[in-house]
Protein backbone atom coordinates (compact mmCIF):
# COMPACT_ATOMS: atom_id res chain seq x y z
CA MET A 1 -17.78 14.02 0.63
CA ASP A 2 -18.44 12.13 3.74
CA ASN A 3 -20.01 8.99 4.84
CA SER A 4 -23.53 10.23 4.12
CA LYS A 5 -22.99 8.61 0.74
CA ILE A 6 -23.53 5.38 2.42
CA GLY A 7 -26.74 4.77 4.38
CA GLN A 8 -29.27 6.29 2.15
CA HIS A 9 -31.01 3.11 1.06
CA ILE A 10 -34.45 1.83 1.81
CA SER A 11 -32.97 -1.34 2.93
CA GLY A 12 -31.21 -1.02 6.18
CA GLN A 13 -29.51 -4.39 5.70
CA PHE A 14 -28.07 -3.06 2.38
CA ASN A 15 -26.55 -0.09 4.31
CA LYS A 16 -25.14 -2.51 6.96
CA GLU A 17 -23.59 -4.59 4.28
CA LEU A 18 -21.80 -1.69 2.61
CA GLU A 19 -20.48 -0.36 5.94
CA ASP A 20 -19.42 -3.77 7.04
CA VAL A 21 -17.40 -4.41 3.85
CA ARG A 22 -15.82 -0.87 4.09
CA ASN A 23 -14.81 -1.47 7.56
CA LYS A 24 -13.17 -4.81 6.61
CA VAL A 25 -10.99 -2.84 4.20
CA LEU A 26 -9.91 -0.61 6.83
CA THR A 27 -9.01 -3.47 9.13
CA MET A 28 -7.00 -5.00 6.29
CA GLY A 29 -5.34 -1.74 5.62
CA GLY A 30 -4.35 -1.42 9.30
CA LEU A 31 -2.88 -4.90 9.38
CA VAL A 32 -0.86 -4.26 6.21
CA GLU A 33 0.52 -1.01 7.79
CA GLN A 34 1.56 -2.90 10.79
CA GLN A 35 3.28 -5.46 8.58
CA ILE A 36 5.36 -2.75 6.88
CA GLU A 37 6.34 -1.02 10.07
CA GLN A 38 7.29 -4.31 11.62
CA ALA A 39 9.20 -5.55 8.56
CA VAL A 40 11.32 -2.41 8.40
CA THR A 41 11.95 -2.60 12.20
CA ALA A 42 13.06 -6.13 11.84
CA PHE A 43 15.52 -5.12 9.13
CA SER A 44 16.81 -2.11 11.00
CA THR A 45 17.19 -3.93 14.34
CA GLY A 46 17.88 -7.55 13.31
CA ASP A 47 14.72 -8.79 15.17
CA MET A 48 14.20 -12.00 13.70
CA GLU A 49 11.15 -12.91 15.74
CA MET A 50 9.44 -9.75 14.45
CA ALA A 51 10.37 -10.88 10.89
CA GLU A 52 8.75 -14.18 11.31
CA LEU A 53 5.61 -12.62 12.67
CA VAL A 54 5.35 -10.47 9.55
CA ILE A 55 5.66 -13.65 7.32
CA LYS A 56 3.01 -15.41 9.53
CA GLN A 57 0.57 -12.48 9.31
CA ASP A 58 0.48 -12.71 5.45
CA ASN A 59 -1.99 -15.62 5.75
CA GLN A 60 -4.43 -13.21 7.65
CA VAL A 61 -4.05 -10.47 4.90
CA ASP A 62 -4.82 -13.17 2.24
CA ALA A 63 -7.77 -14.42 4.08
CA LEU A 64 -9.21 -10.89 4.52
CA GLU A 65 -8.72 -10.29 0.64
CA MET A 66 -10.73 -13.50 -0.08
CA ALA A 67 -13.47 -12.63 2.37
CA ILE A 68 -13.95 -9.18 1.30
CA ASP A 69 -14.03 -10.20 -2.46
CA GLN A 70 -16.49 -12.81 -1.74
CA GLU A 71 -18.65 -10.33 0.31
CA CYS A 72 -18.50 -7.82 -2.58
CA MET A 73 -19.52 -10.39 -5.13
CA GLN A 74 -22.54 -11.49 -3.04
CA ILE A 75 -23.66 -7.70 -2.71
CA LEU A 76 -23.26 -7.13 -6.47
CA ALA A 77 -25.27 -10.42 -7.13
CA LEU A 78 -28.04 -9.93 -4.77
CA ARG A 79 -28.42 -5.99 -4.69
CA GLN A 80 -27.45 -5.06 -8.15
CA PRO A 81 -26.07 -1.67 -7.04
CA ALA A 82 -25.67 1.43 -9.20
CA ALA A 83 -23.99 4.72 -9.34
CA PHE A 84 -21.74 5.37 -6.20
CA ASP A 85 -22.59 2.01 -4.56
CA LEU A 86 -21.44 0.20 -7.73
CA ARG A 87 -18.29 2.31 -7.93
CA LEU A 88 -17.74 1.86 -4.15
CA LEU A 89 -17.68 -2.07 -4.46
CA ILE A 90 -15.57 -2.04 -7.74
CA THR A 91 -13.12 0.29 -5.91
CA ILE A 92 -13.00 -2.13 -2.78
CA ILE A 93 -12.13 -5.03 -4.95
CA LYS A 94 -9.33 -3.17 -6.53
CA VAL A 95 -8.00 -1.75 -3.29
CA VAL A 96 -7.73 -4.95 -1.32
CA ASN A 97 -5.85 -6.32 -4.35
CA ASP A 98 -3.37 -3.59 -3.89
CA LEU A 99 -3.19 -4.03 -0.29
CA GLU A 100 -2.69 -7.75 -0.56
CA ARG A 101 0.30 -7.01 -2.90
CA VAL A 102 1.68 -4.56 -0.35
CA GLY A 103 1.43 -7.34 2.21
CA ASP A 104 3.48 -9.33 -0.07
CA MET A 105 6.00 -6.70 -0.22
CA ALA A 106 6.23 -6.47 3.49
CA GLU A 107 6.70 -10.28 3.61
CA ARG A 108 9.51 -10.01 1.28
CA ILE A 109 11.30 -7.32 3.29
CA ALA A 110 10.91 -9.50 6.31
CA GLU A 111 12.32 -12.42 4.34
CA MET A 112 15.32 -10.38 3.37
CA ALA A 113 15.76 -9.14 6.80
CA ILE A 114 16.26 -12.75 8.05
CA GLN A 115 18.53 -13.62 5.13
CA LEU A 116 20.64 -10.52 5.95
CA SER A 117 20.84 -11.19 9.68
CA SER A 118 23.57 -13.66 9.64
CA THR A 119 25.85 -11.65 7.24
CA ASP A 120 25.13 -7.91 7.82
CA SER A 121 26.01 -6.02 10.97
CA LYS A 122 26.37 -2.60 9.63
CA ARG A 123 22.56 -1.60 9.64
CA ASP A 124 23.22 2.03 10.53
CA GLN A 125 24.33 2.45 6.97
CA TYR A 126 20.90 2.10 5.46
CA TYR A 127 19.45 5.39 6.83
CA GLU A 128 18.21 6.34 3.29
CA LEU A 129 16.39 3.09 3.10
CA GLU A 130 14.79 3.77 6.44
CA HIS A 131 13.78 7.30 5.17
CA MET A 132 12.37 5.70 2.03
CA ALA A 133 10.26 3.35 4.16
CA GLU A 134 8.90 6.47 6.19
CA LEU A 135 7.90 8.05 2.85
CA VAL A 136 6.02 4.96 1.45
CA GLN A 137 4.34 4.26 5.00
CA GLY A 138 3.15 7.82 4.94
CA MET A 139 1.69 7.38 1.33
CA LEU A 140 -0.24 4.28 2.37
CA HIS A 141 -1.59 5.75 5.58
CA GLY A 142 -2.79 8.83 3.62
CA ALA A 143 -4.41 6.67 0.91
CA LEU A 144 -6.24 4.80 3.59
CA ASP A 145 -7.28 7.97 5.25
CA VAL A 146 -8.73 9.35 2.03
CA PHE A 147 -10.78 5.97 1.70
CA ALA A 148 -12.06 6.25 5.38
CA ARG A 149 -13.18 9.85 4.83
CA MET A 150 -14.12 9.49 1.25
CA ASN A 151 -12.61 12.90 0.50
CA VAL A 152 -10.19 13.08 -2.38
CA GLU A 153 -9.16 16.77 -1.87
CA ASP A 154 -5.66 15.89 -0.72
CA VAL A 155 -5.02 13.08 -2.96
CA THR A 156 -2.36 14.63 -5.15
CA SER A 157 -0.30 15.56 -2.13
CA ILE A 158 -0.03 11.76 -1.70
CA THR A 159 0.57 10.78 -5.19
CA GLY A 160 3.26 13.69 -5.42
CA LEU A 161 5.34 11.94 -2.94
CA ASP A 162 6.14 9.09 -5.32
CA GLU A 163 8.51 11.18 -7.16
CA ASN A 164 10.62 11.66 -3.99
CA VAL A 165 10.47 7.76 -3.52
CA ASP A 166 11.68 7.12 -7.04
CA ARG A 167 14.57 9.66 -6.47
CA GLU A 168 15.51 7.83 -3.39
CA TYR A 169 15.22 4.51 -4.82
CA GLY A 170 17.71 5.67 -7.75
CA SER A 171 20.03 6.98 -5.12
CA ILE A 172 20.05 3.73 -3.18
CA ILE A 173 20.64 1.67 -6.36
CA ARG A 174 23.59 3.78 -7.20
CA GLN A 175 25.01 3.30 -3.93
CA LEU A 176 24.55 -0.35 -3.94
CA ILE A 177 26.19 -0.81 -7.18
CA THR A 178 29.21 1.15 -5.96
CA LYS A 179 29.45 -1.05 -2.97
CA MET A 180 29.22 -4.15 -5.26
CA MET A 181 32.08 -2.69 -7.53
CA GLU A 182 34.24 -1.86 -4.60
CA ASP A 183 34.20 -5.49 -3.30
CA PRO A 184 32.59 -8.50 -5.17
CA ARG A 185 32.01 -9.95 -1.74
CA ASN A 186 29.36 -7.54 -1.23
CA ILE A 187 27.34 -8.54 -4.22
CA THR A 188 24.93 -11.20 -2.59
CA ARG A 189 24.30 -8.91 0.58
CA MET A 190 23.60 -5.85 -1.62
CA LEU A 191 21.33 -7.73 -3.86
CA ASP A 192 19.31 -8.46 -0.85
CA VAL A 193 19.18 -4.93 0.30
CA LEU A 194 18.10 -4.13 -3.28
CA TRP A 195 15.22 -6.28 -3.16
CA ILE A 196 14.02 -4.44 0.03
CA ALA A 197 14.47 -1.07 -1.69
CA ARG A 198 12.55 -2.35 -4.65
CA SER A 199 9.67 -3.79 -2.31
CA LEU A 200 9.58 -0.12 -0.69
CA GLU A 201 9.33 1.42 -4.17
CA ARG A 202 6.43 -0.91 -5.19
CA ILE A 203 4.58 -0.23 -1.88
CA GLY A 204 4.54 3.52 -2.95
CA ASP A 205 3.39 2.58 -6.46
CA HIS A 206 0.43 0.67 -4.85
CA ALA A 207 -0.29 3.61 -2.64
CA CYS A 208 -0.81 5.54 -5.81
CA ASN A 209 -3.02 2.99 -7.24
CA ILE A 210 -5.28 3.11 -4.29
CA CYS A 211 -5.46 6.90 -4.69
CA GLU A 212 -6.49 6.45 -8.32
CA HIS A 213 -9.15 3.93 -7.42
CA LEU A 214 -10.50 6.46 -4.88
CA ILE A 215 -10.83 9.14 -7.33
CA TYR A 216 -12.96 6.89 -9.50
CA MET A 217 -15.07 6.01 -6.46
CA VAL A 218 -15.78 9.63 -5.42
CA LYS A 219 -15.73 11.44 -8.80
CA GLY A 220 -16.48 8.54 -11.33
CA GLU A 221 -13.45 9.55 -13.33
CA ASP A 222 -10.64 7.03 -14.43
CA VAL A 223 -7.42 8.91 -13.82
CA ARG A 224 -5.15 5.91 -14.40
CA HIS A 225 -1.96 6.52 -16.64
CA LEU A 226 -2.11 10.36 -16.04
CA THR A 227 1.03 12.26 -15.11
CA GLN A 228 1.24 13.86 -11.82
CA GLU A 229 0.78 17.26 -13.40
CA GLU A 230 -2.23 16.04 -15.48
CA LEU A 231 -3.74 14.66 -12.32
CA GLU A 232 -3.21 17.80 -10.39
CA ARG A 233 -4.94 19.88 -13.29
CA LYS A 234 -7.88 17.45 -13.35
CA MET A 235 -8.44 17.55 -9.61
CA LYS A 236 -8.41 21.43 -9.76
CA GLY A 237 -11.00 21.23 -12.55
CA SER A 238 -8.95 22.86 -15.14
């Protein structure tokens, strides 16, 4: 499927409204991706100015969410869309909610980076956390690419990565618990690191949510709560 789904209406203004709101979602997605990258970099390098920037950008993300929601509601009220157009607007409302939550997670990572800056100088020990960050960034980027192309053929390769994220999250938790048991003075610092790992794990979950919303948009099928195996079978048509 491609963008030909949009732009088949008698009203050129309706076409423009749909394309405009879709572009706003991609703009919001790009901003959120930037937030994650900067938050992780701030944690890895101790760059507090970058962390503060991530926190300030959250207002832009929130404003975009409200503007997109309002635009969708106006289109729903005035145009009374059906079929694909209706699913597109419902999906956009759900996707921007997930993107706003991802922005919140990036803000949380930035806050923890600031909190750790005065107590943690051994940042090279968190390579697994940085690898986990790369995984969830790839998942989110893939989900946004699916939205841009309106093609869900590769969606299971994105959702399938969530198992890797969960495994790395579990491994990181075990390491942090070990450090806390070895030296109780580590507890506060390790809990801050745990919040970062938890935020990254949630970003992966939101990327999966976005993929599920997009399957609904394209195919009209609700695939929430399916296992990865069930989702793969459904996408193959079995």
